[in-house]
């Protein structure tokens, strides 16, 4: 299992939850890898994890060191284009939550 290499708390999680439309799109399958590649080059990026169910419901969690680095990513033109395309072509609905993580726990041996 993959876990993000985060810093000691506090840090932030940007939770993106989406419901895919039924139509297939080659550009959809390329976009997440490109966005992670771009995001990982920005200051404050700590990691990302993502899961999608067969019914199209997906959750991606991106970890960031500060609210400033989240705002900087939101201003990235490539990210803005992908977001617009997602709302238009890929998702029937989506929402983003930004959460401050005060503590994290590892389940040793679980």
PDB file of N, CA and C in Angstrom:
ATOM      1  N   UNK A   1       0.837  -1.177   0.000  1.00  0.00           N
ATOM      2  CA  UNK A   1       0.000   0.000   0.000  1.00  0.00           C
ATOM      3  C   UNK A   1       0.885   1.245   0.000  1.00  0.00           C
ATOM      4  N   UNK A   2       0.488   2.251  -0.747  1.00  0.00           N
ATOM      5  CA  UNK A   2       1.250   3.484  -0.866  1.00  0.00           C
ATOM      6  C   UNK A   2       0.742   4.510   0.131  1.00  0.00           C
ATOM      7  N   UNK A   3       1.654   5.121   0.873  1.00  0.00           N
ATOM      8  CA  UNK A   3       1.319   6.223   1.761  1.00  0.00           C
ATOM      9  C   UNK A   3       2.158   7.419   1.368  1.00  0.00           C
ATOM     10  N   UNK A   4       1.577   8.609   1.479  1.00  0.00           N
ATOM     11  CA  UNK A   4       2.309   9.832   1.170  1.00  0.00           C
ATOM     12  C   UNK A   4       3.397  10.050   2.212  1.00  0.00           C
ATOM     13  N   UNK A   5       4.497  10.604   1.794  1.00  0.00           N
ATOM     14  CA  UNK A   5       5.613  10.908   2.682  1.00  0.00           C
ATOM     15  C   UNK A   5       5.396  12.303   3.260  1.00  0.00           C
ATOM     16  N   UNK A   6       4.556  12.405   4.276  1.00  0.00           N
ATOM     17  CA  UNK A   6       4.178  13.699   4.824  1.00  0.00           C
ATOM     18  C   UNK A   6       5.183  14.178   5.861  1.00  0.00           C
ATOM     19  N   UNK A   7       5.039  15.420   6.240  1.00  0.00           N
ATOM     20  CA  UNK A   7       5.858  16.013   7.291  1.00  0.00           C
ATOM     21  C   UNK A   7       5.150  15.827   8.623  1.00  0.00           C
ATOM     22  N   UNK A   8       5.805  16.089   9.736  1.00  0.00           N
ATOM     23  CA  UNK A   8       5.094  16.055  11.014  1.00  0.00           C
ATOM     24  C   UNK A   8       3.966  17.087  11.003  1.00  0.00           C
ATOM     25  N   UNK A   9       2.824  16.774  11.597  1.00  0.00           N
ATOM     26  CA  UNK A   9       1.714  17.724  11.631  1.00  0.00           C
ATOM     27  C   UNK A   9       2.112  19.010  12.353  1.00  0.00           C
ATOM     28  N   UNK A  10       1.432  20.092  12.043  1.00  0.00           N
ATOM     29  CA  UNK A  10       0.273  20.177  11.141  1.00  0.00           C
ATOM     30  C   UNK A  10       0.697  20.304   9.672  1.00  0.00           C
ATOM     31  N   UNK A  11      -0.186  19.815   8.818  1.00  0.00           N
ATOM     32  CA  UNK A  11      -0.089  19.999   7.374  1.00  0.00           C
ATOM     33  C   UNK A  11      -1.508  19.910   6.849  1.00  0.00           C
ATOM     34  N   UNK A  12      -1.679  19.966   5.548  1.00  0.00           N
ATOM     35  CA  UNK A  12      -3.017  20.061   4.971  1.00  0.00           C
ATOM     36  C   UNK A  12      -3.290  18.932   3.994  1.00  0.00           C
ATOM     37  N   UNK A  13      -4.563  18.560   3.919  1.00  0.00           N
ATOM     38  CA  UNK A  13      -5.030  17.582   2.938  1.00  0.00           C
ATOM     39  C   UNK A  13      -6.069  18.266   2.061  1.00  0.00           C
ATOM     40  N   UNK A  14      -5.880  18.158   0.755  1.00  0.00           N
ATOM     41  CA  UNK A  14      -6.863  18.646  -0.204  1.00  0.00           C
ATOM     42  C   UNK A  14      -7.584  17.406  -0.720  1.00  0.00           C
ATOM     43  N   UNK A  15      -8.840  17.248  -0.326  1.00  0.00           N
ATOM     44  CA  UNK A  15      -9.631  16.067  -0.683  1.00  0.00           C
ATOM     45  C   UNK A  15     -10.530  16.403  -1.868  1.00  0.00           C
ATOM     46  N   UNK A  16     -10.289  15.746  -2.987  1.00  0.00           N
ATOM     47  CA  UNK A  16     -11.089  15.944  -4.190  1.00  0.00           C
ATOM     48  C   UNK A  16     -11.933  14.694  -4.393  1.00  0.00           C
ATOM     49  N   UNK A  17     -13.236  14.849  -4.312  1.00  0.00           N
ATOM     50  CA  UNK A  17     -14.169  13.742  -4.501  1.00  0.00           C
ATOM     51  C   UNK A  17     -14.942  14.002  -5.788  1.00  0.00           C
ATOM     52  N   UNK A  18     -15.043  12.978  -6.638  1.00  0.00           N
ATOM     53  CA  UNK A  18     -15.698  13.165  -7.934  1.00  0.00           C
ATOM     54  C   UNK A  18     -16.523  11.943  -8.312  1.00  0.00           C
ATOM     55  N   UNK A  19     -17.529  12.202  -9.140  1.00  0.00           N
ATOM     56  CA  UNK A  19     -18.324  11.142  -9.743  1.00  0.00           C
ATOM     57  C   UNK A  19     -18.110  11.220 -11.249  1.00  0.00           C
ATOM     58  N   UNK A  20     -17.511  10.180 -11.815  1.00  0.00           N
ATOM     59  CA  UNK A  20     -17.235  10.153 -13.258  1.00  0.00           C
ATOM     60  C   UNK A  20     -18.512  10.032 -14.057  1.00  0.00           C
ATOM     61  N   UNK A  21     -18.515  10.675 -15.234  1.00  0.00           N
ATOM     62  CA  UNK A  21     -19.570  10.450 -16.215  1.00  0.00           C
ATOM     63  C   UNK A  21     -19.319   9.087 -16.839  1.00  0.00           C
ATOM     64  N   UNK A  22     -20.291   8.556 -17.513  1.00  0.00           N
ATOM     65  CA  UNK A  22     -20.158   7.230 -18.108  1.00  0.00           C
ATOM     66  C   UNK A  22     -19.267   7.202 -19.341  1.00  0.00           C
ATOM     67  N   UNK A  23     -19.102   8.338 -20.010  1.00  0.00           N
ATOM     68  CA  UNK A  23     -18.339   8.320 -21.261  1.00  0.00           C
ATOM     69  C   UNK A  23     -16.843   8.183 -21.006  1.00  0.00           C
ATOM     70  N   UNK A  24     -16.176   7.466 -21.885  1.00  0.00           N
ATOM     71  CA  UNK A  24     -14.732   7.247 -21.794  1.00  0.00           C
ATOM     72  C   UNK A  24     -13.985   8.391 -22.478  1.00  0.00           C
ATOM     73  N   UNK A  25     -12.779   8.655 -21.988  1.00  0.00           N
ATOM     74  CA  UNK A  25     -11.972   9.725 -22.565  1.00  0.00           C
ATOM     75  C   UNK A  25     -10.500   9.409 -22.358  1.00  0.00           C
ATOM     76  N   UNK A  26      -9.738   9.376 -23.450  1.00  0.00           N
ATOM     77  CA  UNK A  26      -8.294   9.144 -23.336  1.00  0.00           C
ATOM     78  C   UNK A  26      -7.629  10.249 -22.531  1.00  0.00           C
ATOM     79  N   UNK A  27      -8.099  11.485 -22.709  1.00  0.00           N
ATOM     80  CA  UNK A  27      -7.482  12.605 -21.987  1.00  0.00           C
ATOM     81  C   UNK A  27      -7.681  12.468 -20.478  1.00  0.00           C
ATOM     82  N   UNK A  28      -8.782  11.846 -20.065  1.00  0.00           N
ATOM     83  CA  UNK A  28      -9.018  11.656 -18.633  1.00  0.00           C
ATOM     84  C   UNK A  28      -7.933  10.770 -18.023  1.00  0.00           C
ATOM     85  N   UNK A  29      -7.557   9.728 -18.704  1.00  0.00           N
ATOM     86  CA  UNK A  29      -6.595   8.780 -18.145  1.00  0.00           C
ATOM     87  C   UNK A  29      -5.174   9.345 -18.097  1.00  0.00           C
ATOM     88  N   UNK A  30      -4.877  10.316 -18.933  1.00  0.00           N
ATOM     89  CA  UNK A  30      -3.557  10.940 -18.930  1.00  0.00           C
ATOM     90  C   UNK A  30      -3.453  12.072 -17.907  1.00  0.00           C
ATOM     91  N   UNK A  31      -4.543  12.740 -17.634  1.00  0.00           N
ATOM     92  CA  UNK A  31      -4.537  13.941 -16.793  1.00  0.00           C
ATOM     93  C   UNK A  31      -4.038  13.708 -15.366  1.00  0.00           C
ATOM     94  N   UNK A  32      -4.483  12.669 -14.662  1.00  0.00           N
ATOM     95  CA  UNK A  32      -4.022  12.518 -13.278  1.00  0.00           C
ATOM     96  C   UNK A  32      -2.506  12.366 -13.150  1.00  0.00           C
ATOM     97  N   UNK A  33      -1.900  11.580 -14.019  1.00  0.00           N
ATOM     98  CA  UNK A  33      -0.447  11.410 -13.960  1.00  0.00           C
ATOM     99  C   UNK A  33       0.268  12.723 -14.232  1.00  0.00           C
ATOM    100  N   UNK A  34      -0.233  13.488 -15.197  1.00  0.00           N
ATOM    101  CA  UNK A  34       0.374  14.777 -15.514  1.00  0.00           C
ATOM    102  C   UNK A  34       0.224  15.748 -14.340  1.00  0.00           C
ATOM    103  N   UNK A  35      -0.945  15.773 -13.720  1.00  0.00           N
ATOM    104  CA  UNK A  35      -1.167  16.683 -12.596  1.00  0.00           C
ATOM    105  C   UNK A  35      -0.266  16.325 -11.407  1.00  0.00           C
ATOM    106  N   UNK A  36      -0.104  15.049 -11.123  1.00  0.00           N
ATOM    107  CA  UNK A  36       0.778  14.632 -10.028  1.00  0.00           C
ATOM    108  C   UNK A  36       2.224  14.998 -10.347  1.00  0.00           C
ATOM    109  N   UNK A  37       2.625  14.794 -11.602  1.00  0.00           N
ATOM    110  CA  UNK A  37       3.988  15.159 -11.997  1.00  0.00           C
ATOM    111  C   UNK A  37       4.231  16.659 -11.802  1.00  0.00           C
ATOM    112  N   UNK A  38       3.288  17.485 -12.242  1.00  0.00           N
ATOM    113  CA  UNK A  38       3.428  18.934 -12.084  1.00  0.00           C
ATOM    114  C   UNK A  38       3.377  19.345 -10.612  1.00  0.00           C
ATOM    115  N   UNK A  39       2.428  18.793  -9.882  1.00  0.00           N
ATOM    116  CA  UNK A  39       2.270  19.158  -8.462  1.00  0.00           C
ATOM    117  C   UNK A  39       3.504  18.784  -7.654  1.00  0.00           C
ATOM    118  N   UNK A  40       4.096  17.641  -7.973  1.00  0.00           N
ATOM    119  CA  UNK A  40       5.246  17.169  -7.196  1.00  0.00           C
ATOM    120  C   UNK A  40       6.459  18.075  -7.354  1.00  0.00           C
ATOM    121  N   UNK A  41       6.472  18.913  -8.370  1.00  0.00           N
ATOM    122  CA  UNK A  41       7.580  19.837  -8.589  1.00  0.00           C
ATOM    123  C   UNK A  41       7.369  21.169  -7.872  1.00  0.00           C
ATOM    124  N   UNK A  42       6.202  21.344  -7.281  1.00  0.00           N
ATOM    125  CA  UNK A  42       5.910  22.605  -6.598  1.00  0.00           C
ATOM    126  C   UNK A  42       6.311  22.527  -5.131  1.00  0.00           C
ATOM    127  N   UNK A  43       6.793  23.657  -4.587  1.00  0.00           N
ATOM    128  CA  UNK A  43       7.130  23.687  -3.158  1.00  0.00           C
ATOM    129  C   UNK A  43       5.902  23.332  -2.310  1.00  0.00           C
ATOM    130  N   UNK A  44       6.139  22.612  -1.233  1.00  0.00           N
ATOM    131  CA  UNK A  44       5.063  22.279  -0.303  1.00  0.00           C
ATOM    132  C   UNK A  44       4.298  21.014  -0.613  1.00  0.00           C
ATOM    133  N   UNK A  45       4.555  20.398  -1.769  1.00  0.00           N
ATOM    134  CA  UNK A  45       3.878  19.142  -2.114  1.00  0.00           C
ATOM    135  C   UNK A  45       4.453  18.024  -1.257  1.00  0.00           C
ATOM    136  N   UNK A  46       3.576  17.288  -0.567  1.00  0.00           N
ATOM    137  CA  UNK A  46       4.025  16.209   0.318  1.00  0.00           C
ATOM    138  C   UNK A  46       3.660  14.821  -0.196  1.00  0.00           C
ATOM    139  N   UNK A  47       2.710  14.742  -1.096  1.00  0.00           N
ATOM    140  CA  UNK A  47       2.318  13.439  -1.620  1.00  0.00           C
ATOM    141  C   UNK A  47       0.862  13.418  -2.033  1.00  0.00           C
ATOM    142  N   UNK A  48       0.463  12.302  -2.617  1.00  0.00           N
ATOM    143  CA  UNK A  48      -0.908  12.147  -3.092  1.00  0.00           C
ATOM    144  C   UNK A  48      -1.283  10.675  -3.049  1.00  0.00           C
ATOM    145  N   UNK A  49      -2.550  10.416  -2.831  1.00  0.00           N
ATOM    146  CA  UNK A  49      -3.088   9.057  -2.964  1.00  0.00           C
ATOM    147  C   UNK A  49      -4.483   9.164  -3.554  1.00  0.00           C
ATOM    148  N   UNK A  50      -4.893   8.121  -4.259  1.00  0.00           N
ATOM    149  CA  UNK A  50      -6.143   8.195  -4.994  1.00  0.00           C
ATOM    150  C   UNK A  50      -6.776   6.814  -5.094  1.00  0.00           C
ATOM    151  N   UNK A  51      -8.109   6.797  -5.118  1.00  0.00           N
ATOM    152  CA  UNK A  51      -8.844   5.544  -5.297  1.00  0.00           C
ATOM    153  C   UNK A  51     -10.118   5.840  -6.076  1.00  0.00           C
ATOM    154  N   UNK A  52     -10.528   4.870  -6.912  1.00  0.00           N
ATOM    155  CA  UNK A  52     -11.765   5.020  -7.661  1.00  0.00           C
ATOM    156  C   UNK A  52     -12.496   3.687  -7.661  1.00  0.00           C
ATOM    157  N   UNK A  53     -13.796   3.757  -7.405  1.00  0.00           N
ATOM    158  CA  UNK A  53     -14.637   2.560  -7.426  1.00  0.00           C
ATOM    159  C   UNK A  53     -15.131   2.296  -8.839  1.00  0.00           C
ATOM    160  N   UNK A  54     -15.622   1.087  -9.068  1.00  0.00           N
ATOM    161  CA  UNK A  54     -16.128   0.724 -10.391  1.00  0.00           C
ATOM    162  C   UNK A  54     -17.325   1.574 -10.796  1.00  0.00           C
ATOM    163  N   UNK A  55     -18.067   2.087  -9.823  1.00  0.00           N
ATOM    164  CA  UNK A  55     -19.229   2.913 -10.152  1.00  0.00           C
ATOM    165  C   UNK A  55     -18.842   4.347 -10.508  1.00  0.00           C
ATOM    166  N   UNK A  56     -17.532   4.665 -10.523  1.00  0.00           N
ATOM    167  CA  UNK A  56     -17.068   5.974 -10.941  1.00  0.00           C
ATOM    168  C   UNK A  56     -16.799   6.961  -9.828  1.00  0.00           C
ATOM    169  N   UNK A  57     -17.123   6.608  -8.590  1.00  0.00           N
ATOM    170  CA  UNK A  57     -16.843   7.488  -7.464  1.00  0.00           C
ATOM    171  C   UNK A  57     -15.354   7.443  -7.156  1.00  0.00           C
ATOM    172  N   UNK A  58     -14.714   8.610  -7.079  1.00  0.00           N
ATOM    173  CA  UNK A  58     -13.288   8.651  -6.811  1.00  0.00           C
ATOM    174  C   UNK A  58     -12.935   9.680  -5.751  1.00  0.00           C
ATOM    175  N   UNK A  59     -11.847   9.408  -5.036  1.00  0.00           N
ATOM    176  CA  UNK A  59     -11.320  10.342  -4.047  1.00  0.00           C
ATOM    177  C   UNK A  59      -9.813  10.435  -4.242  1.00  0.00           C
ATOM    178  N   UNK A  60      -9.323  11.651  -4.367  1.00  0.00           N
ATOM    179  CA  UNK A  60      -7.895  11.914  -4.427  1.00  0.00           C
ATOM    180  C   UNK A  60      -7.547  12.850  -3.292  1.00  0.00           C
ATOM    181  N   UNK A  61      -6.529  12.496  -2.529  1.00  0.00           N
ATOM    182  CA  UNK A  61      -6.071  13.317  -1.415  1.00  0.00           C
ATOM    183  C   UNK A  61      -4.654  13.759  -1.720  1.00  0.00           C
ATOM    184  N   UNK A  62      -4.459  15.073  -1.778  1.00  0.00           N
ATOM    185  CA  UNK A  62      -3.149  15.659  -1.999  1.00  0.00           C
ATOM    186  C   UNK A  62      -2.716  16.321  -0.700  1.00  0.00           C
ATOM    187  N   UNK A  63      -1.501  16.036  -0.279  1.00  0.00           N
ATOM    188  CA  UNK A  63      -0.998  16.600   0.976  1.00  0.00           C
ATOM    189  C   UNK A  63      -0.072  17.766   0.678  1.00  0.00           C
ATOM    190  N   UNK A  64      -0.272  18.855   1.424  1.00  0.00           N
ATOM    191  CA  UNK A  64       0.484  20.093   1.233  1.00  0.00           C
ATOM    192  C   UNK A  64       0.956  20.622   2.575  1.00  0.00           C
ATOM    193  N   UNK A  65       2.071  21.347   2.535  1.00  0.00           N
ATOM    194  CA  UNK A  65       2.662  21.865   3.755  1.00  0.00           C
ATOM    195  C   UNK A  65       2.005  23.105   4.313  1.00  0.00           C
ATOM    196  N   UNK A  66       1.296  23.872   3.458  1.00  0.00           N
ATOM    197  CA  UNK A  66       0.705  25.120   3.929  1.00  0.00           C
ATOM    198  C   UNK A  66      -0.465  25.528   3.041  1.00  0.00           C
ATOM    199  N   UNK A  67      -1.261  26.451   3.559  1.00  0.00           N
ATOM    200  CA  UNK A  67      -2.356  27.002   2.761  1.00  0.00           C
ATOM    201  C   UNK A  67      -1.816  27.799   1.574  1.00  0.00           C
ATOM    202  N   UNK A  68      -0.659  28.442   1.754  1.00  0.00           N
ATOM    203  CA  UNK A  68      -0.052  29.199   0.650  1.00  0.00           C
ATOM    204  C   UNK A  68       0.280  28.293  -0.528  1.00  0.00           C
ATOM    205  N   UNK A  69       0.810  27.101  -0.265  1.00  0.00           N
ATOM    206  CA  UNK A  69       1.168  26.199  -1.368  1.00  0.00           C
ATOM    207  C   UNK A  69      -0.084  25.640  -2.045  1.00  0.00           C
ATOM    208  N   UNK A  70      -1.169  25.515  -1.295  1.00  0.00           N
ATOM    209  CA  UNK A  70      -2.448  25.099  -1.897  1.00  0.00           C
ATOM    210  C   UNK A  70      -2.939  26.198  -2.836  1.00  0.00           C
ATOM    211  N   UNK A  71      -2.863  27.445  -2.392  1.00  0.00           N
ATOM    212  CA  UNK A  71      -3.295  28.575  -3.217  1.00  0.00           C
ATOM    213  C   UNK A  71      -2.436  28.690  -4.475  1.00  0.00           C
ATOM    214  N   UNK A  72      -1.136  28.455  -4.344  1.00  0.00           N
ATOM    215  CA  UNK A  72      -0.250  28.518  -5.511  1.00  0.00           C
ATOM    216  C   UNK A  72      -0.633  27.457  -6.539  1.00  0.00           C
ATOM    217  N   UNK A  73      -0.955  26.258  -6.084  1.00  0.00           N
ATOM    218  CA  UNK A  73      -1.349  25.186  -7.004  1.00  0.00           C
ATOM    219  C   UNK A  73      -2.669  25.527  -7.682  1.00  0.00           C
ATOM    220  N   UNK A  74      -3.581  26.134  -6.940  1.00  0.00           N
ATOM    221  CA  UNK A  74      -4.870  26.517  -7.515  1.00  0.00           C
ATOM    222  C   UNK A  74      -4.685  27.525  -8.654  1.00  0.00           C
ATOM    223  N   UNK A  75      -3.624  28.319  -8.607  1.00  0.00           N
ATOM    224  CA  UNK A  75      -3.339  29.313  -9.640  1.00  0.00           C
ATOM    225  C   UNK A  75      -2.564  28.746 -10.840  1.00  0.00           C
ATOM    226  N   UNK A  76      -2.110  27.507 -10.761  1.00  0.00           N
ATOM    227  CA  UNK A  76      -1.358  26.885 -11.841  1.00  0.00           C
ATOM    228  C   UNK A  76      -2.262  26.734 -13.072  1.00  0.00           C
ATOM    229  N   UNK A  77      -1.819  27.249 -14.210  1.00  0.00           N
ATOM    230  CA  UNK A  77      -2.653  27.245 -15.413  1.00  0.00           C
ATOM    231  C   UNK A  77      -2.991  25.845 -15.908  1.00  0.00           C
ATOM    232  N   UNK A  78      -2.044  24.927 -15.857  1.00  0.00           N
ATOM    233  CA  UNK A  78      -2.321  23.546 -16.279  1.00  0.00           C
ATOM    234  C   UNK A  78      -3.365  22.912 -15.375  1.00  0.00           C
ATOM    235  N   UNK A  79      -3.261  23.169 -14.092  1.00  0.00           N
ATOM    236  CA  UNK A  79      -4.240  22.636 -13.145  1.00  0.00           C
ATOM    237  C   UNK A  79      -5.605  23.252 -13.408  1.00  0.00           C
ATOM    238  N   UNK A  80      -5.661  24.545 -13.699  1.00  0.00           N
ATOM    239  CA  UNK A  80      -6.934  25.209 -13.980  1.00  0.00           C
ATOM    240  C   UNK A  80      -7.592  24.631 -15.234  1.00  0.00           C
ATOM    241  N   UNK A  81      -6.785  24.372 -16.266  1.00  0.00           N
ATOM    242  CA  UNK A  81      -7.328  23.779 -17.497  1.00  0.00           C
ATOM    243  C   UNK A  81      -7.887  22.378 -17.241  1.00  0.00           C
ATOM    244  N   UNK A  82      -7.146  21.578 -16.480  1.00  0.00           N
ATOM    245  CA  UNK A  82      -7.622  20.226 -16.155  1.00  0.00           C
ATOM    246  C   UNK A  82      -8.904  20.300 -15.331  1.00  0.00           C
ATOM    247  N   UNK A  83      -8.972  21.235 -14.416  1.00  0.00           N
ATOM    248  CA  UNK A  83     -10.178  21.394 -13.595  1.00  0.00           C
ATOM    249  C   UNK A  83     -11.384  21.766 -14.463  1.00  0.00           C
ATOM    250  N   UNK A  84     -11.202  22.694 -15.387  1.00  0.00           N
ATOM    251  CA  UNK A  84     -12.286  23.091 -16.288  1.00  0.00           C
ATOM    252  C   UNK A  84     -12.737  21.914 -17.156  1.00  0.00           C
ATOM    253  N   UNK A  85     -11.768  21.182 -17.697  1.00  0.00           N
ATOM    254  CA  UNK A  85     -12.102  20.011 -18.536  1.00  0.00           C
ATOM    255  C   UNK A  85     -12.843  18.961 -17.718  1.00  0.00           C
ATOM    256  N   UNK A  86     -12.394  18.761 -16.477  1.00  0.00           N
ATOM    257  CA  UNK A  86     -13.063  17.798 -15.616  1.00  0.00           C
ATOM    258  C   UNK A  86     -14.514  18.154 -15.382  1.00  0.00           C
ATOM    259  N   UNK A  87     -14.780  19.403 -15.066  1.00  0.00           N
ATOM    260  CA  UNK A  87     -16.160  19.835 -14.811  1.00  0.00           C
ATOM    261  C   UNK A  87     -17.017  19.728 -16.064  1.00  0.00           C
ATOM    262  N   UNK A  88     -16.392  19.943 -17.235  1.00  0.00           N
ATOM    263  CA  UNK A  88     -17.137  19.930 -18.500  1.00  0.00           C
ATOM    264  C   UNK A  88     -17.311  18.520 -19.059  1.00  0.00           C
ATOM    265  N   UNK A  89     -16.220  17.708 -19.028  1.00  0.00           N
ATOM    266  CA  UNK A  89     -16.216  16.454 -19.782  1.00  0.00           C
ATOM    267  C   UNK A  89     -16.134  15.170 -18.960  1.00  0.00           C
ATOM    268  N   UNK A  90     -15.581  15.232 -17.741  1.00  0.00           N
ATOM    269  CA  UNK A  90     -15.286  13.990 -17.035  1.00  0.00           C
ATOM    270  C   UNK A  90     -16.194  13.695 -15.852  1.00  0.00           C
ATOM    271  N   UNK A  91     -16.643  14.730 -15.132  1.00  0.00           N
ATOM    272  CA  UNK A  91     -17.356  14.508 -13.874  1.00  0.00           C
ATOM    273  C   UNK A  91     -18.784  15.023 -13.926  1.00  0.00           C
ATOM    274  N   UNK A  92     -19.693  14.228 -13.414  1.00  0.00           N
ATOM    275  CA  UNK A  92     -21.068  14.705 -13.269  1.00  0.00           C
ATOM    276  C   UNK A  92     -21.193  15.562 -12.011  1.00  0.00           C
ATOM    277  N   UNK A  93     -20.311  15.344 -11.053  1.00  0.00           N
ATOM    278  CA  UNK A  93     -20.239  16.198  -9.867  1.00  0.00           C
ATOM    279  C   UNK A  93     -18.873  16.033  -9.225  1.00  0.00           C
ATOM    280  N   UNK A  94     -18.441  17.090  -8.524  1.00  0.00           N
ATOM    281  CA  UNK A  94     -17.167  17.027  -7.814  1.00  0.00           C
ATOM    282  C   UNK A  94     -17.152  18.095  -6.724  1.00  0.00           C
ATOM    283  N   UNK A  95     -16.331  17.860  -5.716  1.00  0.00           N
ATOM    284  CA  UNK A  95     -16.194  18.800  -4.615  1.00  0.00           C
ATOM    285  C   UNK A  95     -14.771  18.681  -4.055  1.00  0.00           C
ATOM    286  N   UNK A  96     -14.255  19.799  -3.575  1.00  0.00           N
ATOM    287  CA  UNK A  96     -12.937  19.822  -2.966  1.00  0.00           C
ATOM    288  C   UNK A  96     -13.067  20.316  -1.532  1.00  0.00           C
ATOM    289  N   UNK A  97     -12.444  19.606  -0.609  1.00  0.00           N
ATOM    290  CA  UNK A  97     -12.372  20.007   0.795  1.00  0.00           C
ATOM    291  C   UNK A  97     -10.903  20.211   1.161  1.00  0.00           C
ATOM    292  N   UNK A  98     -10.634  21.243   1.931  1.00  0.00           N
ATOM    293  CA  UNK A  98      -9.286  21.479   2.443  1.00  0.00           C
ATOM    294  C   UNK A  98      -9.339  21.313   3.953  1.00  0.00           C
ATOM    295  N   UNK A  99      -8.493  20.421   4.452  1.00  0.00           N
ATOM    296  CA  UNK A  99      -8.508  20.067   5.872  1.00  0.00           C
ATOM    297  C   UNK A  99      -7.125  20.273   6.480  1.00  0.00           C
ATOM    298  N   UNK A 100      -7.091  20.819   7.673  1.00  0.00           N
ATOM    299  CA  UNK A 100      -5.836  20.927   8.409  1.00  0.00           C
ATOM    300  C   UNK A 100      -5.694  19.676   9.262  1.00  0.00           C
ATOM    301  N   UNK A 101      -4.581  18.983   9.093  1.00  0.00           N
ATOM    302  CA  UNK A 101      -4.326  17.764   9.859  1.00  0.00           C
ATOM    303  C   UNK A 101      -3.496  18.128  11.084  1.00  0.00           C
ATOM    304  N   UNK A 102      -4.076  17.918  12.232  1.00  0.00           N
ATOM    305  CA  UNK A 102      -3.412  18.230  13.498  1.00  0.00           C
ATOM    306  C   UNK A 102      -2.581  17.061  14.016  1.00  0.00           C
ATOM    307  N   UNK A 103      -3.043  15.844  13.728  1.00  0.00           N
ATOM    308  CA  UNK A 103      -2.349  14.639  14.182  1.00  0.00           C
ATOM    309  C   UNK A 103      -2.477  13.577  13.112  1.00  0.00           C
ATOM    310  N   UNK A 104      -1.505  12.668  13.096  1.00  0.00           N
ATOM    311  CA  UNK A 104      -1.662  11.454  12.302  1.00  0.00           C
ATOM    312  C   UNK A 104      -1.138  10.281  13.120  1.00  0.00           C
ATOM    313  N   UNK A 105      -1.711   9.131  12.858  1.00  0.00           N
ATOM    314  CA  UNK A 105      -1.364   7.927  13.592  1.00  0.00           C
ATOM    315  C   UNK A 105      -1.063   6.822  12.598  1.00  0.00           C
ATOM    316  N   UNK A 106      -0.076   6.027  12.903  1.00  0.00           N
ATOM    317  CA  UNK A 106       0.211   4.836  12.093  1.00  0.00           C
ATOM    318  C   UNK A 106      -0.293   3.633  12.865  1.00  0.00           C
ATOM    319  N   UNK A 107      -0.985   2.756  12.178  1.00  0.00           N
ATOM    320  CA  UNK A 107      -1.485   1.529  12.795  1.00  0.00           C
ATOM    321  C   UNK A 107      -0.425   0.451  12.652  1.00  0.00           C
ATOM    322  N   UNK A 108       0.529   0.468  13.541  1.00  0.00           N
ATOM    323  CA  UNK A 108       1.619  -0.508  13.519  1.00  0.00           C
ATOM    324  C   UNK A 108       1.064  -1.909  13.683  1.00  0.00           C
ATOM    325  N   UNK A 109       1.401  -2.771  12.744  1.00  0.00           N
ATOM    326  CA  UNK A 109       1.024  -4.175  12.855  1.00  0.00           C
ATOM    327  C   UNK A 109      -0.426  -4.454  12.567  1.00  0.00           C
ATOM    328  N   UNK A 110      -1.192  -3.468  12.142  1.00  0.00           N
ATOM    329  CA  UNK A 110      -2.617  -3.694  11.898  1.00  0.00           C
ATOM    330  C   UNK A 110      -2.828  -4.273  10.523  1.00  0.00           C
TER     331      UNK A 110
END
